[in-house]
Amino acid sequence: MKPGIAILIPAIGDPALLLQCLDHVKNQTLLPDEIIILDNGLKGSLDFFSHPLGSLIRLLPFEKNLLYSAALNRAYEKTHSP
């Protein structure tokens, strides 16, 4: 089994910044196998799934704002890529 690439993106505030981040991911030499967006308090909404990488995206919402490391730890537990 080849190692997979998972990108964990903690997101808070303006979702438009998240689209910029996804555009940068799209331009990488190696594309990820999955992208997990940690919704740690996004304001407003955007359709991330219509982005060219949308089929790789999973949104992980949190009921309350978690600290950075706690959010990453929870997202890491949800990855499918070894």
PDB file of N, CA and C in Angstrom:
ATOM      1  N   MET A   1       0.840  -1.177   0.000  1.00  0.00           N
ATOM      2  CA  MET A   1       0.000   0.000   0.000  1.00  0.00           C
ATOM      3  C   MET A   1       0.889   1.246   0.000  1.00  0.00           C
ATOM      4  N   LYS A   2       0.655   2.135  -0.971  1.00  0.00           N
ATOM      5  CA  LYS A   2       1.460   3.346  -1.017  1.00  0.00           C
ATOM      6  C   LYS A   2       0.980   4.322   0.049  1.00  0.00           C
ATOM      7  N   PRO A   3       1.899   5.078   0.620  1.00  0.00           N
ATOM      8  CA  PRO A   3       1.484   6.067   1.604  1.00  0.00           C
ATOM      9  C   PRO A   3       0.578   7.108   0.960  1.00  0.00           C
ATOM     10  N   GLY A   4      -0.412   7.554   1.684  1.00  0.00           N
ATOM     11  CA  GLY A   4      -1.323   8.570   1.174  1.00  0.00           C
ATOM     12  C   GLY A   4      -0.970   9.934   1.727  1.00  0.00           C
ATOM     13  N   ILE A   5      -1.526  10.929   1.104  1.00  0.00           N
ATOM     14  CA  ILE A   5      -1.314  12.296   1.548  1.00  0.00           C
ATOM     15  C   ILE A   5      -2.648  12.859   2.021  1.00  0.00           C
ATOM     16  N   ALA A   6      -2.689  13.282   3.263  1.00  0.00           N
ATOM     17  CA  ALA A   6      -3.871  13.932   3.820  1.00  0.00           C
ATOM     18  C   ALA A   6      -3.479  15.353   4.199  1.00  0.00           C
ATOM     19  N   ILE A   7      -4.299  16.310   3.800  1.00  0.00           N
ATOM     20  CA  ILE A   7      -4.065  17.700   4.176  1.00  0.00           C
ATOM     21  C   ILE A   7      -5.152  18.097   5.159  1.00  0.00           C
ATOM     22  N   LEU A   8      -4.720  18.589   6.308  1.00  0.00           N
ATOM     23  CA  LEU A   8      -5.631  19.051   7.350  1.00  0.00           C
ATOM     24  C   LEU A   8      -5.568  20.574   7.366  1.00  0.00           C
ATOM     25  N   ILE A   9      -6.709  21.217   7.176  1.00  0.00           N
ATOM     26  CA  ILE A   9      -6.751  22.675   7.117  1.00  0.00           C
ATOM     27  C   ILE A   9      -7.662  23.197   8.220  1.00  0.00           C
ATOM     28  N   PRO A  10      -7.067  23.747   9.300  1.00  0.00           N
ATOM     29  CA  PRO A  10      -7.899  24.386  10.319  1.00  0.00           C
ATOM     30  C   PRO A  10      -8.420  25.705   9.763  1.00  0.00           C
ATOM     31  N   ALA A  11      -9.710  25.949   9.895  1.00  0.00           N
ATOM     32  CA  ALA A  11     -10.306  27.149   9.306  1.00  0.00           C
ATOM     33  C   ALA A  11     -11.173  27.865  10.322  1.00  0.00           C
ATOM     34  N   ILE A  12     -10.973  29.163  10.386  1.00  0.00           N
ATOM     35  CA  ILE A  12     -11.771  30.021  11.259  1.00  0.00           C
ATOM     36  C   ILE A  12     -11.915  31.362  10.547  1.00  0.00           C
ATOM     37  N   GLY A  13     -13.055  31.987  10.693  1.00  0.00           N
ATOM     38  CA  GLY A  13     -13.233  33.306  10.099  1.00  0.00           C
ATOM     39  C   GLY A  13     -13.747  33.255   8.669  1.00  0.00           C
ATOM     40  N   ASP A  14     -13.069  33.963   7.773  1.00  0.00           N
ATOM     41  CA  ASP A  14     -13.512  34.186   6.397  1.00  0.00           C
ATOM     42  C   ASP A  14     -13.291  32.958   5.520  1.00  0.00           C
ATOM     43  N   PRO A  15     -14.360  32.341   5.001  1.00  0.00           N
ATOM     44  CA  PRO A  15     -14.193  31.158   4.156  1.00  0.00           C
ATOM     45  C   PRO A  15     -13.530  31.461   2.813  1.00  0.00           C
ATOM     46  N   ALA A  16     -13.508  32.725   2.384  1.00  0.00           N
ATOM     47  CA  ALA A  16     -12.846  33.067   1.119  1.00  0.00           C
ATOM     48  C   ALA A  16     -11.346  32.771   1.197  1.00  0.00           C
ATOM     49  N   LEU A  17     -10.761  32.929   2.377  1.00  0.00           N
ATOM     50  CA  LEU A  17      -9.339  32.601   2.547  1.00  0.00           C
ATOM     51  C   LEU A  17      -9.101  31.113   2.359  1.00  0.00           C
ATOM     52  N   LEU A  18     -10.070  30.330   2.734  1.00  0.00           N
ATOM     53  CA  LEU A  18      -9.964  28.883   2.570  1.00  0.00           C
ATOM     54  C   LEU A  18      -9.929  28.507   1.087  1.00  0.00           C
ATOM     55  N   LEU A  19     -10.692  29.204   0.259  1.00  0.00           N
ATOM     56  CA  LEU A  19     -10.653  28.939  -1.180  1.00  0.00           C
ATOM     57  C   LEU A  19      -9.278  29.245  -1.751  1.00  0.00           C
ATOM     58  N   GLN A  20      -8.636  30.288  -1.268  1.00  0.00           N
ATOM     59  CA  GLN A  20      -7.271  30.593  -1.705  1.00  0.00           C
ATOM     60  C   GLN A  20      -6.327  29.459  -1.320  1.00  0.00           C
ATOM     61  N   CYS A  21      -6.502  28.954  -0.118  1.00  0.00           N
ATOM     62  CA  CYS A  21      -5.675  27.836   0.346  1.00  0.00           C
ATOM     63  C   CYS A  21      -5.877  26.618  -0.551  1.00  0.00           C
ATOM     64  N   LEU A  22      -7.116  26.313  -0.902  1.00  0.00           N
ATOM     65  CA  LEU A  22      -7.401  25.170  -1.769  1.00  0.00           C
ATOM     66  C   LEU A  22      -6.792  25.356  -3.157  1.00  0.00           C
ATOM     67  N   ASP A  23      -6.772  26.595  -3.644  1.00  0.00           N
ATOM     68  CA  ASP A  23      -6.131  26.861  -4.936  1.00  0.00           C
ATOM     69  C   ASP A  23      -4.632  26.576  -4.871  1.00  0.00           C
ATOM     70  N   HIS A  24      -4.010  26.902  -3.752  1.00  0.00           N
ATOM     71  CA  HIS A  24      -2.585  26.605  -3.586  1.00  0.00           C
ATOM     72  C   HIS A  24      -2.347  25.093  -3.518  1.00  0.00           C
ATOM     73  N   VAL A  25      -3.230  24.389  -2.852  1.00  0.00           N
ATOM     74  CA  VAL A  25      -3.116  22.926  -2.783  1.00  0.00           C
ATOM     75  C   VAL A  25      -3.230  22.338  -4.191  1.00  0.00           C
ATOM     76  N   LYS A  26      -4.168  22.866  -4.977  1.00  0.00           N
ATOM     77  CA  LYS A  26      -4.397  22.371  -6.344  1.00  0.00           C
ATOM     78  C   LYS A  26      -3.142  22.512  -7.209  1.00  0.00           C
ATOM     79  N   ASN A  27      -2.305  23.498  -6.911  1.00  0.00           N
ATOM     80  CA  ASN A  27      -1.116  23.764  -7.716  1.00  0.00           C
ATOM     81  C   ASN A  27       0.120  22.986  -7.262  1.00  0.00           C
ATOM     82  N   GLN A  28      -0.023  22.128  -6.281  1.00  0.00           N
ATOM     83  CA  GLN A  28       1.110  21.340  -5.800  1.00  0.00           C
ATOM     84  C   GLN A  28       1.459  20.225  -6.790  1.00  0.00           C
ATOM     85  N   THR A  29       2.700  19.790  -6.773  1.00  0.00           N
ATOM     86  CA  THR A  29       3.158  18.717  -7.662  1.00  0.00           C
ATOM     87  C   THR A  29       2.426  17.411  -7.361  1.00  0.00           C
ATOM     88  N   LEU A  30       2.332  17.055  -6.085  1.00  0.00           N
ATOM     89  CA  LEU A  30       1.604  15.859  -5.665  1.00  0.00           C
ATOM     90  C   LEU A  30       0.284  16.278  -5.042  1.00  0.00           C
ATOM     91  N   LEU A  31      -0.791  15.779  -5.583  1.00  0.00           N
ATOM     92  CA  LEU A  31      -2.099  16.109  -5.020  1.00  0.00           C
ATOM     93  C   LEU A  31      -2.411  15.171  -3.852  1.00  0.00           C
ATOM     94  N   PRO A  32      -3.171  15.661  -2.895  1.00  0.00           N
ATOM     95  CA  PRO A  32      -3.506  14.820  -1.744  1.00  0.00           C
ATOM     96  C   PRO A  32      -4.547  13.773  -2.108  1.00  0.00           C
ATOM     97  N   ASP A  33      -4.633  12.773  -1.260  1.00  0.00           N
ATOM     98  CA  ASP A  33      -5.680  11.766  -1.387  1.00  0.00           C
ATOM     99  C   ASP A  33      -6.958  12.228  -0.703  1.00  0.00           C
ATOM    100  N   GLU A  34      -6.795  13.127   0.247  1.00  0.00           N
ATOM    101  CA  GLU A  34      -7.952  13.682   0.959  1.00  0.00           C
ATOM    102  C   GLU A  34      -7.578  15.023   1.572  1.00  0.00           C
ATOM    103  N   ILE A  35      -8.603  15.861   1.716  1.00  0.00           N
ATOM    104  CA  ILE A  35      -8.458  17.161   2.368  1.00  0.00           C
ATOM    105  C   ILE A  35      -9.530  17.237   3.434  1.00  0.00           C
ATOM    106  N   ILE A  36      -9.102  17.467   4.663  1.00  0.00           N
ATOM    107  CA  ILE A  36     -10.066  17.610   5.755  1.00  0.00           C
ATOM    108  C   ILE A  36     -10.022  19.056   6.220  1.00  0.00           C
ATOM    109  N   ILE A  37     -11.169  19.723   6.108  1.00  0.00           N
ATOM    110  CA  ILE A  37     -11.293  21.104   6.565  1.00  0.00           C
ATOM    111  C   ILE A  37     -11.897  21.076   7.958  1.00  0.00           C
ATOM    112  N   LEU A  38     -11.164  21.650   8.905  1.00  0.00           N
ATOM    113  CA  LEU A  38     -11.602  21.696  10.295  1.00  0.00           C
ATOM    114  C   LEU A  38     -12.347  23.003  10.497  1.00  0.00           C
ATOM    115  N   ASP A  39     -13.662  22.940  10.525  1.00  0.00           N
ATOM    116  CA  ASP A  39     -14.486  24.135  10.711  1.00  0.00           C
ATOM    117  C   ASP A  39     -14.472  24.505  12.185  1.00  0.00           C
ATOM    118  N   ASN A  40     -13.584  25.415  12.507  1.00  0.00           N
ATOM    119  CA  ASN A  40     -13.389  25.827  13.898  1.00  0.00           C
ATOM    120  C   ASN A  40     -13.988  27.213  14.121  1.00  0.00           C
ATOM    121  N   GLY A  41     -15.026  27.535  13.335  1.00  0.00           N
ATOM    122  CA  GLY A  41     -15.695  28.821  13.467  1.00  0.00           C
ATOM    123  C   GLY A  41     -15.699  29.627  12.187  1.00  0.00           C
ATOM    124  N   LEU A  42     -15.958  28.955  11.055  1.00  0.00           N
ATOM    125  CA  LEU A  42     -16.071  29.682   9.793  1.00  0.00           C
ATOM    126  C   LEU A  42     -17.298  30.578   9.836  1.00  0.00           C
ATOM    127  N   LYS A  43     -17.167  31.774   9.313  1.00  0.00           N
ATOM    128  CA  LYS A  43     -18.287  32.713   9.278  1.00  0.00           C
ATOM    129  C   LYS A  43     -18.806  32.768   7.845  1.00  0.00           C
ATOM    130  N   GLY A  44     -20.106  32.631   7.681  1.00  0.00           N
ATOM    131  CA  GLY A  44     -20.662  32.588   6.336  1.00  0.00           C
ATOM    132  C   GLY A  44     -20.544  31.188   5.772  1.00  0.00           C
ATOM    133  N   SER A  45     -20.796  31.070   4.485  1.00  0.00           N
ATOM    134  CA  SER A  45     -20.694  29.742   3.881  1.00  0.00           C
ATOM    135  C   SER A  45     -20.253  29.869   2.426  1.00  0.00           C
ATOM    136  N   LEU A  46     -19.577  28.876   1.973  1.00  0.00           N
ATOM    137  CA  LEU A  46     -19.166  28.740   0.577  1.00  0.00           C
ATOM    138  C   LEU A  46     -19.333  27.278   0.199  1.00  0.00           C
ATOM    139  N   ASP A  47     -19.513  27.038  -1.066  1.00  0.00           N
ATOM    140  CA  ASP A  47     -19.633  25.665  -1.537  1.00  0.00           C
ATOM    141  C   ASP A  47     -18.240  25.143  -1.884  1.00  0.00           C
ATOM    142  N   PHE A  48     -17.555  24.599  -0.882  1.00  0.00           N
ATOM    143  CA  PHE A  48     -16.200  24.090  -1.087  1.00  0.00           C
ATOM    144  C   PHE A  48     -16.196  22.896  -2.038  1.00  0.00           C
ATOM    145  N   PHE A  49     -17.289  22.195  -2.085  1.00  0.00           N
ATOM    146  CA  PHE A  49     -17.349  20.957  -2.852  1.00  0.00           C
ATOM    147  C   PHE A  49     -17.420  21.218  -4.358  1.00  0.00           C
ATOM    148  N   SER A  50     -17.705  22.472  -4.772  1.00  0.00           N
ATOM    149  CA  SER A  50     -17.691  22.799  -6.201  1.00  0.00           C
ATOM    150  C   SER A  50     -16.280  23.192  -6.668  1.00  0.00           C
ATOM    151  N   HIS A  51     -15.339  23.279  -5.744  1.00  0.00           N
ATOM    152  CA  HIS A  51     -13.939  23.556  -6.076  1.00  0.00           C
ATOM    153  C   HIS A  51     -13.402  22.354  -6.862  1.00  0.00           C
ATOM    154  N   PRO A  52     -12.410  22.566  -7.773  1.00  0.00           N
ATOM    155  CA  PRO A  52     -11.851  21.424  -8.521  1.00  0.00           C
ATOM    156  C   PRO A  52     -11.379  20.259  -7.648  1.00  0.00           C
ATOM    157  N   LEU A  53     -11.018  20.526  -6.399  1.00  0.00           N
ATOM    158  CA  LEU A  53     -10.611  19.446  -5.488  1.00  0.00           C
ATOM    159  C   LEU A  53     -11.766  18.986  -4.593  1.00  0.00           C
ATOM    160  N   GLY A  54     -12.964  19.424  -4.915  1.00  0.00           N
ATOM    161  CA  GLY A  54     -14.126  19.165  -4.070  1.00  0.00           C
ATOM    162  C   GLY A  54     -14.374  17.707  -3.732  1.00  0.00           C
ATOM    163  N   SER A  55     -14.048  16.820  -4.657  1.00  0.00           N
ATOM    164  CA  SER A  55     -14.295  15.392  -4.394  1.00  0.00           C
ATOM    165  C   SER A  55     -13.363  14.842  -3.310  1.00  0.00           C
ATOM    166  N   LEU A  56     -12.299  15.562  -2.997  1.00  0.00           N
ATOM    167  CA  LEU A  56     -11.347  15.123  -1.972  1.00  0.00           C
ATOM    168  C   LEU A  56     -11.644  15.714  -0.599  1.00  0.00           C
ATOM    169  N   ILE A  57     -12.593  16.658  -0.543  1.00  0.00           N
ATOM    170  CA  ILE A  57     -12.825  17.431   0.681  1.00  0.00           C
ATOM    171  C   ILE A  57     -13.831  16.756   1.597  1.00  0.00           C
ATOM    172  N   ARG A  58     -13.481  16.745   2.876  1.00  0.00           N
ATOM    173  CA  ARG A  58     -14.429  16.376   3.938  1.00  0.00           C
ATOM    174  C   ARG A  58     -14.438  17.528   4.932  1.00  0.00           C
ATOM    175  N   LEU A  59     -15.607  17.957   5.320  1.00  0.00           N
ATOM    176  CA  LEU A  59     -15.745  19.045   6.280  1.00  0.00           C
ATOM    177  C   LEU A  59     -15.976  18.449   7.660  1.00  0.00           C
ATOM    178  N   LEU A  60     -15.160  18.854   8.606  1.00  0.00           N
ATOM    179  CA  LEU A  60     -15.253  18.365   9.978  1.00  0.00           C
ATOM    180  C   LEU A  60     -15.641  19.542  10.877  1.00  0.00           C
ATOM    181  N   PRO A  61     -16.943  19.710  11.142  1.00  0.00           N
ATOM    182  CA  PRO A  61     -17.373  20.843  11.969  1.00  0.00           C
ATOM    183  C   PRO A  61     -17.206  20.544  13.458  1.00  0.00           C
ATOM    184  N   PHE A  62     -16.906  21.579  14.208  1.00  0.00           N
ATOM    185  CA  PHE A  62     -16.822  21.469  15.667  1.00  0.00           C
ATOM    186  C   PHE A  62     -17.906  22.338  16.279  1.00  0.00           C
ATOM    187  N   GLU A  63     -18.531  21.834  17.341  1.00  0.00           N
ATOM    188  CA  GLU A  63     -19.595  22.585  18.002  1.00  0.00           C
ATOM    189  C   GLU A  63     -19.065  23.841  18.680  1.00  0.00           C
ATOM    190  N   LYS A  64     -17.851  23.759  19.173  1.00  0.00           N
ATOM    191  CA  LYS A  64     -17.233  24.925  19.793  1.00  0.00           C
ATOM    192  C   LYS A  64     -15.812  25.051  19.268  1.00  0.00           C
ATOM    193  N   ASN A  65     -15.263  26.230  19.349  1.00  0.00           N
ATOM    194  CA  ASN A  65     -13.918  26.486  18.866  1.00  0.00           C
ATOM    195  C   ASN A  65     -12.919  25.708  19.718  1.00  0.00           C
ATOM    196  N   LEU A  66     -12.161  24.826  19.058  1.00  0.00           N
ATOM    197  CA  LEU A  66     -11.134  24.054  19.747  1.00  0.00           C
ATOM    198  C   LEU A  66      -9.782  24.739  19.577  1.00  0.00           C
ATOM    199  N   LEU A  67      -8.894  24.491  20.483  1.00  0.00           N
ATOM    200  CA  LEU A  67      -7.541  24.984  20.311  1.00  0.00           C
ATOM    201  C   LEU A  67      -6.933  24.316  19.087  1.00  0.00           C
ATOM    202  N   TYR A  68      -5.948  24.967  18.498  1.00  0.00           N
ATOM    203  CA  TYR A  68      -5.338  24.523  17.248  1.00  0.00           C
ATOM    204  C   TYR A  68      -4.921  23.051  17.312  1.00  0.00           C
ATOM    205  N   SER A  69      -4.146  22.674  18.317  1.00  0.00           N
ATOM    206  CA  SER A  69      -3.643  21.299  18.385  1.00  0.00           C
ATOM    207  C   SER A  69      -4.765  20.290  18.631  1.00  0.00           C
ATOM    208  N   ALA A  70      -5.759  20.650  19.400  1.00  0.00           N
ATOM    209  CA  ALA A  70      -6.878  19.740  19.651  1.00  0.00           C
ATOM    210  C   ALA A  70      -7.666  19.503  18.362  1.00  0.00           C
ATOM    211  N   ALA A  71      -7.856  20.552  17.577  1.00  0.00           N
ATOM    212  CA  ALA A  71      -8.571  20.418  16.304  1.00  0.00           C
ATOM    213  C   ALA A  71      -7.784  19.522  15.345  1.00  0.00           C
ATOM    214  N   LEU A  72      -6.467  19.725  15.269  1.00  0.00           N
ATOM    215  CA  LEU A  72      -5.646  18.889  14.391  1.00  0.00           C
ATOM    216  C   LEU A  72      -5.653  17.430  14.830  1.00  0.00           C
ATOM    217  N   ASN A  73      -5.596  17.191  16.137  1.00  0.00           N
ATOM    218  CA  ASN A  73      -5.621  15.815  16.638  1.00  0.00           C
ATOM    219  C   ASN A  73      -6.916  15.117  16.269  1.00  0.00           C
ATOM    220  N   ARG A  74      -8.042  15.819  16.392  1.00  0.00           N
ATOM    221  CA  ARG A  74      -9.326  15.210  16.035  1.00  0.00           C
ATOM    222  C   ARG A  74      -9.401  14.922  14.545  1.00  0.00           C
ATOM    223  N   ALA A  75      -8.880  15.846  13.742  1.00  0.00           N
ATOM    224  CA  ALA A  75      -8.901  15.647  12.289  1.00  0.00           C
ATOM    225  C   ALA A  75      -7.992  14.487  11.894  1.00  0.00           C
ATOM    226  N   TYR A  76      -6.834  14.399  12.525  1.00  0.00           N
ATOM    227  CA  TYR A  76      -5.897  13.317  12.214  1.00  0.00           C
ATOM    228  C   TYR A  76      -6.556  11.950  12.461  1.00  0.00           C
ATOM    229  N   GLU A  77      -7.348  11.863  13.501  1.00  0.00           N
ATOM    230  CA  GLU A  77      -8.036  10.604  13.807  1.00  0.00           C
ATOM    231  C   GLU A  77      -9.034  10.223  12.712  1.00  0.00           C
ATOM    232  N   LYS A  78      -9.494  11.203  11.935  1.00  0.00           N
ATOM    233  CA  LYS A  78     -10.500  10.962  10.889  1.00  0.00           C
ATOM    234  C   LYS A  78      -9.907  10.686   9.514  1.00  0.00           C
ATOM    235  N   THR A  79      -8.567  10.784   9.390  1.00  0.00           N
ATOM    236  CA  THR A  79      -7.962  10.586   8.070  1.00  0.00           C
ATOM    237  C   THR A  79      -8.041   9.127   7.639  1.00  0.00           C
ATOM    238  N   HIS A  80      -8.088   8.947   6.326  1.00  0.00           N
ATOM    239  CA  HIS A  80      -8.074   7.602   5.749  1.00  0.00           C
ATOM    240  C   HIS A  80      -6.711   7.276   5.156  1.00  0.00           C
ATOM    241  N   SER A  81      -5.879   8.299   4.977  1.00  0.00           N
ATOM    242  CA  SER A  81      -4.566   8.103   4.366  1.00  0.00           C
ATOM    243  C   SER A  81      -3.561   7.715   5.434  1.00  0.00           C
ATOM    244  N   PRO A  82      -2.820   6.631   5.200  1.00  0.00           N
ATOM    245  CA  PRO A  82      -1.836   6.211   6.207  1.00  0.00           C
ATOM    246  C   PRO A  82      -0.662   7.161   6.281  1.00  0.00           C
TER     247      PRO A  82
END
